[in-house]
Amino acid sequence: MAVSRIGVSLEKELLDALDEYVHANKFANRSQAIRHLVNKNTVEQKWQCNNYVAGSVTLIYDLNRREIQNQISEIQIGYYQEILSTQRVILDKTKHMEVIAIKGIASRLTELADKLISIKGMQNGKLTMSRAD
């Protein structure tokens, strides 16, 4: 892919924030960080535009709350066409992590993730999506 050079003017505070972002995320340089930020913004806009995406939903929940597993399964049945696979990992004596690989229309995947993350007793949940078109 061809690379084009551009000039960017930033206020000192914004440049300092960019440098901190580069350092914190271990980017090789500012250009790499800016490319990442532009791509991330583009992906997020695609989520809102209902384009085709792929990603994952990561859930953390208490093993002792068995009803959560049943609720996760019930919700997944309604989205079987979007779910590629699931993997459940035992983190410790009381916590499970479930990672659900998904693909489809962004709004539908967001709907699925929102339902899963909002299950009563869910400790943590995160949806991650990337362009798949």
N, C-alpha and C. Protein backbone atom coordinates (compact mmCIF):
# COMPACT_ATOMS: atom_id res chain seq x y z
N MET A 1 0.85 -1.17 0.00
CA MET A 1 0.00 0.00 0.00
C MET A 1 0.89 1.24 0.00
N ALA A 2 0.60 2.16 -0.88
CA ALA A 2 1.37 3.40 -0.97
C ALA A 2 1.11 4.27 0.24
N VAL A 3 2.15 4.96 0.68
CA VAL A 3 2.04 5.85 1.83
C VAL A 3 2.20 7.28 1.34
N SER A 4 1.33 8.17 1.80
CA SER A 4 1.42 9.58 1.46
C SER A 4 1.87 10.35 2.68
N ARG A 5 2.70 11.35 2.46
CA ARG A 5 3.16 12.21 3.56
C ARG A 5 2.25 13.43 3.67
N ILE A 6 1.95 13.80 4.91
CA ILE A 6 1.15 14.99 5.16
C ILE A 6 1.81 15.76 6.30
N GLY A 7 1.48 17.02 6.42
CA GLY A 7 1.92 17.82 7.56
C GLY A 7 0.73 18.05 8.48
N VAL A 8 0.98 18.00 9.76
CA VAL A 8 -0.09 18.19 10.74
C VAL A 8 0.37 19.23 11.76
N SER A 9 -0.48 20.18 12.05
CA SER A 9 -0.19 21.19 13.07
C SER A 9 -1.03 20.89 14.29
N LEU A 10 -0.37 20.83 15.45
CA LEU A 10 -1.07 20.54 16.70
C LEU A 10 -0.63 21.52 17.78
N GLU A 11 -1.56 21.86 18.67
CA GLU A 11 -1.21 22.64 19.84
C GLU A 11 -0.28 21.81 20.72
N LYS A 12 0.54 22.47 21.54
CA LYS A 12 1.52 21.76 22.37
C LYS A 12 0.86 20.71 23.26
N GLU A 13 -0.26 21.04 23.86
CA GLU A 13 -0.94 20.09 24.75
C GLU A 13 -1.38 18.84 23.99
N LEU A 14 -1.89 19.04 22.78
CA LEU A 14 -2.33 17.91 21.97
C LEU A 14 -1.14 17.07 21.50
N LEU A 15 -0.05 17.73 21.15
CA LEU A 15 1.16 17.01 20.75
C LEU A 15 1.72 16.21 21.93
N ASP A 16 1.71 16.81 23.12
CA ASP A 16 2.16 16.09 24.32
C ASP A 16 1.28 14.86 24.57
N ALA A 17 -0.03 15.03 24.39
CA ALA A 17 -0.96 13.90 24.57
C ALA A 17 -0.68 12.81 23.54
N LEU A 18 -0.39 13.20 22.30
CA LEU A 18 -0.06 12.22 21.27
C LEU A 18 1.22 11.48 21.63
N ASP A 19 2.23 12.20 22.09
CA ASP A 19 3.49 11.55 22.48
C ASP A 19 3.27 10.58 23.64
N GLU A 20 2.44 10.95 24.59
CA GLU A 20 2.12 10.03 25.70
C GLU A 20 1.41 8.80 25.18
N TYR A 21 0.50 8.99 24.23
CA TYR A 21 -0.23 7.87 23.62
C TYR A 21 0.73 6.93 22.88
N VAL A 22 1.68 7.51 22.14
CA VAL A 22 2.69 6.72 21.43
C VAL A 22 3.48 5.88 22.42
N HIS A 23 3.93 6.52 23.48
CA HIS A 23 4.74 5.82 24.50
C HIS A 23 3.93 4.74 25.22
N ALA A 24 2.73 5.09 25.67
CA ALA A 24 1.90 4.15 26.44
C ALA A 24 1.52 2.92 25.63
N ASN A 25 1.33 3.10 24.32
CA ASN A 25 0.89 1.99 23.46
C ASN A 25 2.04 1.37 22.67
N LYS A 26 3.26 1.85 22.95
CA LYS A 26 4.48 1.29 22.35
C LYS A 26 4.47 1.33 20.81
N PHE A 27 3.94 2.41 20.26
CA PHE A 27 4.01 2.60 18.82
C PHE A 27 5.44 2.97 18.44
N ALA A 28 5.84 2.65 17.24
CA ALA A 28 7.20 2.96 16.79
C ALA A 28 7.40 4.47 16.62
N ASN A 29 6.31 5.16 16.24
CA ASN A 29 6.41 6.60 15.99
C ASN A 29 5.02 7.23 15.99
N ARG A 30 4.99 8.53 15.83
CA ARG A 30 3.71 9.26 15.81
C ARG A 30 2.84 8.84 14.63
N SER A 31 3.47 8.63 13.47
CA SER A 31 2.70 8.25 12.28
C SER A 31 1.92 6.97 12.52
N GLN A 32 2.56 6.00 13.15
CA GLN A 32 1.87 4.73 13.43
C GLN A 32 0.69 4.96 14.37
N ALA A 33 0.87 5.80 15.36
CA ALA A 33 -0.21 6.10 16.30
C ALA A 33 -1.37 6.82 15.60
N ILE A 34 -1.04 7.77 14.75
CA ILE A 34 -2.09 8.51 14.03
C ILE A 34 -2.84 7.57 13.10
N ARG A 35 -2.13 6.67 12.39
CA ARG A 35 -2.79 5.69 11.52
C ARG A 35 -3.76 4.84 12.34
N HIS A 36 -3.30 4.40 13.53
CA HIS A 36 -4.15 3.58 14.40
C HIS A 36 -5.41 4.35 14.81
N LEU A 37 -5.24 5.61 15.20
CA LEU A 37 -6.38 6.41 15.64
C LEU A 37 -7.37 6.67 14.51
N VAL A 38 -6.87 6.94 13.31
CA VAL A 38 -7.76 7.16 12.16
C VAL A 38 -8.51 5.88 11.83
N ASN A 39 -7.81 4.76 11.82
CA ASN A 39 -8.45 3.47 11.53
C ASN A 39 -9.50 3.15 12.59
N LYS A 40 -9.17 3.39 13.86
CA LYS A 40 -10.12 3.13 14.94
C LYS A 40 -11.38 3.97 14.77
N ASN A 41 -11.21 5.23 14.43
CA ASN A 41 -12.35 6.11 14.21
C ASN A 41 -13.19 5.63 13.03
N THR A 42 -12.53 5.19 11.97
CA THR A 42 -13.23 4.68 10.79
C THR A 42 -14.05 3.45 11.14
N VAL A 43 -13.48 2.55 11.92
CA VAL A 43 -14.20 1.35 12.34
C VAL A 43 -15.42 1.73 13.18
N GLU A 44 -15.24 2.65 14.12
CA GLU A 44 -16.36 3.05 14.97
C GLU A 44 -17.47 3.69 14.14
N GLN A 45 -17.12 4.45 13.11
CA GLN A 45 -18.14 5.02 12.24
C GLN A 45 -18.86 3.91 11.48
N LYS A 46 -18.13 2.89 11.08
CA LYS A 46 -18.77 1.76 10.39
C LYS A 46 -19.74 1.05 11.32
N TRP A 47 -19.43 0.98 12.62
CA TRP A 47 -20.36 0.36 13.56
C TRP A 47 -21.68 1.10 13.50
N GLN A 48 -21.61 2.41 13.45
CA GLN A 48 -22.82 3.22 13.43
C GLN A 48 -23.51 3.15 12.08
N CYS A 49 -22.77 2.84 11.03
CA CYS A 49 -23.34 2.79 9.68
C CYS A 49 -23.87 1.41 9.32
N ASN A 50 -23.78 0.47 10.24
CA ASN A 50 -24.29 -0.89 10.04
C ASN A 50 -23.59 -1.64 8.92
N ASN A 51 -22.30 -1.47 8.81
CA ASN A 51 -21.53 -2.24 7.85
C ASN A 51 -21.19 -3.61 8.42
N TYR A 52 -20.62 -4.44 7.59
CA TYR A 52 -20.26 -5.81 7.95
C TYR A 52 -18.95 -5.77 8.74
N VAL A 53 -18.97 -6.35 9.94
CA VAL A 53 -17.80 -6.36 10.81
C VAL A 53 -17.63 -7.74 11.44
N ALA A 54 -16.47 -7.94 12.04
CA ALA A 54 -16.19 -9.15 12.80
C ALA A 54 -15.59 -8.72 14.13
N GLY A 55 -15.71 -9.57 15.12
CA GLY A 55 -15.15 -9.20 16.41
C GLY A 55 -15.37 -10.24 17.48
N SER A 56 -15.41 -9.75 18.71
CA SER A 56 -15.61 -10.66 19.84
C SER A 56 -16.33 -9.94 20.97
N VAL A 57 -16.99 -10.74 21.78
CA VAL A 57 -17.57 -10.26 23.02
C VAL A 57 -16.86 -11.04 24.11
N THR A 58 -16.26 -10.33 25.06
CA THR A 58 -15.57 -10.97 26.18
C THR A 58 -16.38 -10.70 27.44
N LEU A 59 -16.70 -11.77 28.15
CA LEU A 59 -17.53 -11.68 29.36
C LEU A 59 -16.76 -12.27 30.54
N ILE A 60 -16.88 -11.63 31.69
CA ILE A 60 -16.33 -12.15 32.95
C ILE A 60 -17.49 -12.26 33.92
N TYR A 61 -17.64 -13.47 34.52
CA TYR A 61 -18.76 -13.66 35.45
C TYR A 61 -18.40 -14.67 36.52
N ASP A 62 -19.20 -14.66 37.57
CA ASP A 62 -19.01 -15.53 38.73
C ASP A 62 -19.49 -16.94 38.42
N LEU A 63 -18.62 -17.89 38.60
CA LEU A 63 -18.93 -19.30 38.35
C LEU A 63 -20.08 -19.79 39.22
N ASN A 64 -20.20 -19.25 40.42
CA ASN A 64 -21.24 -19.70 41.34
C ASN A 64 -22.64 -19.26 40.93
N ARG A 65 -22.76 -18.36 40.00
CA ARG A 65 -24.06 -17.90 39.51
C ARG A 65 -24.39 -18.66 38.24
N ARG A 66 -24.80 -19.90 38.41
CA ARG A 66 -25.05 -20.81 37.29
C ARG A 66 -26.10 -20.30 36.31
N GLU A 67 -27.05 -19.49 36.79
CA GLU A 67 -28.09 -18.99 35.90
C GLU A 67 -27.51 -18.11 34.80
N ILE A 68 -26.34 -17.51 35.04
CA ILE A 68 -25.72 -16.67 34.03
C ILE A 68 -25.38 -17.50 32.79
N GLN A 69 -24.83 -18.69 32.98
CA GLN A 69 -24.49 -19.55 31.84
C GLN A 69 -25.74 -19.89 31.03
N ASN A 70 -26.84 -20.16 31.71
CA ASN A 70 -28.09 -20.45 31.01
C ASN A 70 -28.57 -19.24 30.22
N GLN A 71 -28.49 -18.07 30.82
CA GLN A 71 -28.93 -16.86 30.14
C GLN A 71 -28.04 -16.56 28.92
N ILE A 72 -26.75 -16.76 29.05
CA ILE A 72 -25.84 -16.56 27.92
C ILE A 72 -26.25 -17.48 26.77
N SER A 73 -26.51 -18.74 27.08
CA SER A 73 -26.90 -19.71 26.05
C SER A 73 -28.22 -19.33 25.40
N GLU A 74 -29.19 -18.91 26.19
CA GLU A 74 -30.49 -18.52 25.64
C GLU A 74 -30.35 -17.34 24.68
N ILE A 75 -29.55 -16.36 25.04
CA ILE A 75 -29.35 -15.19 24.18
C ILE A 75 -28.63 -15.61 22.90
N GLN A 76 -27.61 -16.47 23.03
CA GLN A 76 -26.83 -16.89 21.86
C GLN A 76 -27.70 -17.61 20.83
N ILE A 77 -28.69 -18.36 21.28
CA ILE A 77 -29.56 -19.07 20.34
C ILE A 77 -30.20 -18.10 19.35
N GLY A 78 -30.59 -16.94 19.82
CA GLY A 78 -31.22 -15.94 18.96
C GLY A 78 -30.26 -15.30 17.97
N TYR A 79 -28.98 -15.53 18.15
CA TYR A 79 -27.96 -14.91 17.30
C TYR A 79 -27.03 -15.97 16.70
N TYR A 80 -27.53 -17.16 16.49
CA TYR A 80 -26.68 -18.26 16.03
C TYR A 80 -26.02 -17.97 14.69
N GLN A 81 -26.66 -17.16 13.84
CA GLN A 81 -26.07 -16.86 12.54
C GLN A 81 -24.88 -15.91 12.64
N GLU A 82 -24.82 -15.14 13.70
CA GLU A 82 -23.72 -14.20 13.90
C GLU A 82 -22.56 -14.80 14.71
N ILE A 83 -22.82 -15.87 15.44
CA ILE A 83 -21.80 -16.44 16.32
C ILE A 83 -20.97 -17.48 15.58
N LEU A 84 -19.66 -17.25 15.56
CA LEU A 84 -18.74 -18.18 14.91
C LEU A 84 -18.29 -19.28 15.87
N SER A 85 -17.97 -18.89 17.10
CA SER A 85 -17.54 -19.85 18.10
C SER A 85 -17.55 -19.20 19.48
N THR A 86 -17.52 -20.05 20.49
CA THR A 86 -17.41 -19.56 21.87
C THR A 86 -16.34 -20.37 22.58
N GLN A 87 -15.69 -19.72 23.51
CA GLN A 87 -14.70 -20.41 24.32
C GLN A 87 -14.87 -19.95 25.76
N ARG A 88 -14.98 -20.90 26.66
CA ARG A 88 -15.12 -20.60 28.08
C ARG A 88 -13.83 -21.01 28.77
N VAL A 89 -13.31 -20.10 29.59
CA VAL A 89 -12.06 -20.32 30.31
C VAL A 89 -12.32 -20.14 31.80
N ILE A 90 -11.82 -21.04 32.60
CA ILE A 90 -11.92 -20.91 34.05
C ILE A 90 -10.72 -20.09 34.52
N LEU A 91 -10.99 -18.91 35.04
CA LEU A 91 -9.91 -18.01 35.48
C LEU A 91 -9.40 -18.37 36.88
N ASP A 92 -10.34 -18.69 37.76
CA ASP A 92 -9.99 -19.14 39.10
C ASP A 92 -11.19 -19.88 39.67
N LYS A 93 -11.20 -20.12 40.97
CA LYS A 93 -12.27 -20.92 41.57
C LYS A 93 -13.64 -20.28 41.45
N THR A 94 -13.69 -18.98 41.23
CA THR A 94 -14.99 -18.32 41.19
C THR A 94 -15.29 -17.57 39.91
N LYS A 95 -14.33 -17.44 39.00
CA LYS A 95 -14.57 -16.62 37.81
C LYS A 95 -14.37 -17.40 36.51
N HIS A 96 -15.31 -17.16 35.59
CA HIS A 96 -15.22 -17.66 34.22
C HIS A 96 -15.02 -16.48 33.29
N MET A 97 -14.34 -16.74 32.18
CA MET A 97 -14.28 -15.79 31.09
C MET A 97 -14.82 -16.51 29.87
N GLU A 98 -15.72 -15.86 29.15
CA GLU A 98 -16.23 -16.42 27.91
C GLU A 98 -15.92 -15.44 26.79
N VAL A 99 -15.34 -15.96 25.71
CA VAL A 99 -15.02 -15.16 24.54
C VAL A 99 -15.86 -15.70 23.39
N ILE A 100 -16.65 -14.83 22.78
CA ILE A 100 -17.56 -15.21 21.71
C ILE A 100 -17.10 -14.51 20.43
N ALA A 101 -16.68 -15.30 19.44
CA ALA A 101 -16.28 -14.75 18.14
C ALA A 101 -17.54 -14.52 17.31
N ILE A 102 -17.64 -13.32 16.71
CA ILE A 102 -18.86 -12.94 16.01
C ILE A 102 -18.54 -12.27 14.68
N LYS A 103 -19.52 -12.30 13.77
CA LYS A 103 -19.43 -11.54 12.52
C LYS A 103 -20.84 -11.22 12.06
N GLY A 104 -20.97 -10.08 11.37
CA GLY A 104 -22.28 -9.70 10.86
C GLY A 104 -22.43 -8.20 10.80
N ILE A 105 -23.68 -7.76 10.75
CA ILE A 105 -24.01 -6.34 10.69
C ILE A 105 -23.75 -5.73 12.08
N ALA A 106 -23.06 -4.59 12.09
CA ALA A 106 -22.61 -3.98 13.33
C ALA A 106 -23.73 -3.77 14.35
N SER A 107 -24.87 -3.28 13.91
CA SER A 107 -25.95 -3.01 14.85
C SER A 107 -26.45 -4.30 15.51
N ARG A 108 -26.48 -5.37 14.76
CA ARG A 108 -26.94 -6.66 15.31
C ARG A 108 -25.92 -7.19 16.32
N LEU A 109 -24.63 -7.05 16.04
CA LEU A 109 -23.60 -7.51 16.97
C LEU A 109 -23.59 -6.66 18.24
N THR A 110 -23.83 -5.36 18.07
CA THR A 110 -23.92 -4.48 19.23
C THR A 110 -25.11 -4.86 20.10
N GLU A 111 -26.22 -5.18 19.47
CA GLU A 111 -27.42 -5.62 20.18
C GLU A 111 -27.13 -6.90 20.98
N LEU A 112 -26.46 -7.86 20.35
CA LEU A 112 -26.08 -9.10 21.03
C LEU A 112 -25.20 -8.80 22.23
N ALA A 113 -24.16 -8.01 22.03
CA ALA A 113 -23.23 -7.69 23.12
C ALA A 113 -23.95 -6.98 24.26
N ASP A 114 -24.81 -6.04 23.94
CA ASP A 114 -25.54 -5.31 24.98
C ASP A 114 -26.39 -6.26 25.82
N LYS A 115 -27.05 -7.21 25.18
CA LYS A 115 -27.87 -8.18 25.92
C LYS A 115 -27.01 -9.03 26.84
N LEU A 116 -25.87 -9.49 26.34
CA LEU A 116 -24.99 -10.35 27.14
C LEU A 116 -24.38 -9.57 28.31
N ILE A 117 -23.87 -8.40 28.03
CA ILE A 117 -23.19 -7.60 29.05
C ILE A 117 -24.15 -7.15 30.14
N SER A 118 -25.44 -7.00 29.81
CA SER A 118 -26.41 -6.50 30.78
C SER A 118 -27.06 -7.61 31.61
N ILE A 119 -26.64 -8.86 31.44
CA ILE A 119 -27.18 -9.94 32.26
C ILE A 119 -26.88 -9.65 33.73
N LYS A 120 -27.89 -9.80 34.57
CA LYS A 120 -27.72 -9.52 35.99
C LYS A 120 -26.62 -10.42 36.55
N GLY A 121 -25.66 -9.79 37.22
CA GLY A 121 -24.56 -10.52 37.82
C GLY A 121 -23.30 -10.58 36.95
N MET A 122 -23.39 -10.10 35.71
CA MET A 122 -22.21 -10.07 34.85
C MET A 122 -21.21 -9.09 35.45
N GLN A 123 -19.99 -9.54 35.65
CA GLN A 123 -19.00 -8.68 36.29
C GLN A 123 -18.36 -7.68 35.32
N ASN A 124 -18.13 -8.13 34.10
CA ASN A 124 -17.52 -7.25 33.12
C ASN A 124 -17.80 -7.79 31.72
N GLY A 125 -17.86 -6.91 30.76
CA GLY A 125 -18.08 -7.33 29.39
C GLY A 125 -17.55 -6.27 28.44
N LYS A 126 -17.08 -6.73 27.28
CA LYS A 126 -16.54 -5.78 26.30
C LYS A 126 -16.77 -6.31 24.90
N LEU A 127 -17.22 -5.44 24.04
CA LEU A 127 -17.39 -5.73 22.62
C LEU A 127 -16.23 -5.11 21.86
N THR A 128 -15.63 -5.88 20.99
CA THR A 128 -14.57 -5.39 20.11
C THR A 128 -14.95 -5.76 18.69
N MET A 129 -14.88 -4.80 17.77
CA MET A 129 -15.21 -5.08 16.38
C MET A 129 -14.18 -4.45 15.45
N SER A 130 -13.99 -5.09 14.31
CA SER A 130 -13.09 -4.60 13.28
C SER A 130 -13.75 -4.76 11.92
N ARG A 131 -13.27 -4.01 10.97
CA ARG A 131 -13.81 -4.11 9.60
C ARG A 131 -13.63 -5.53 9.09
N ALA A 132 -14.62 -6.01 8.38
CA ALA A 132 -14.55 -7.35 7.80
C ALA A 132 -14.93 -7.35 6.33
N ASP A 133 -15.10 -6.16 5.77
CA ASP A 133 -15.49 -6.08 4.35
C ASP A 133 -14.29 -5.81 3.47
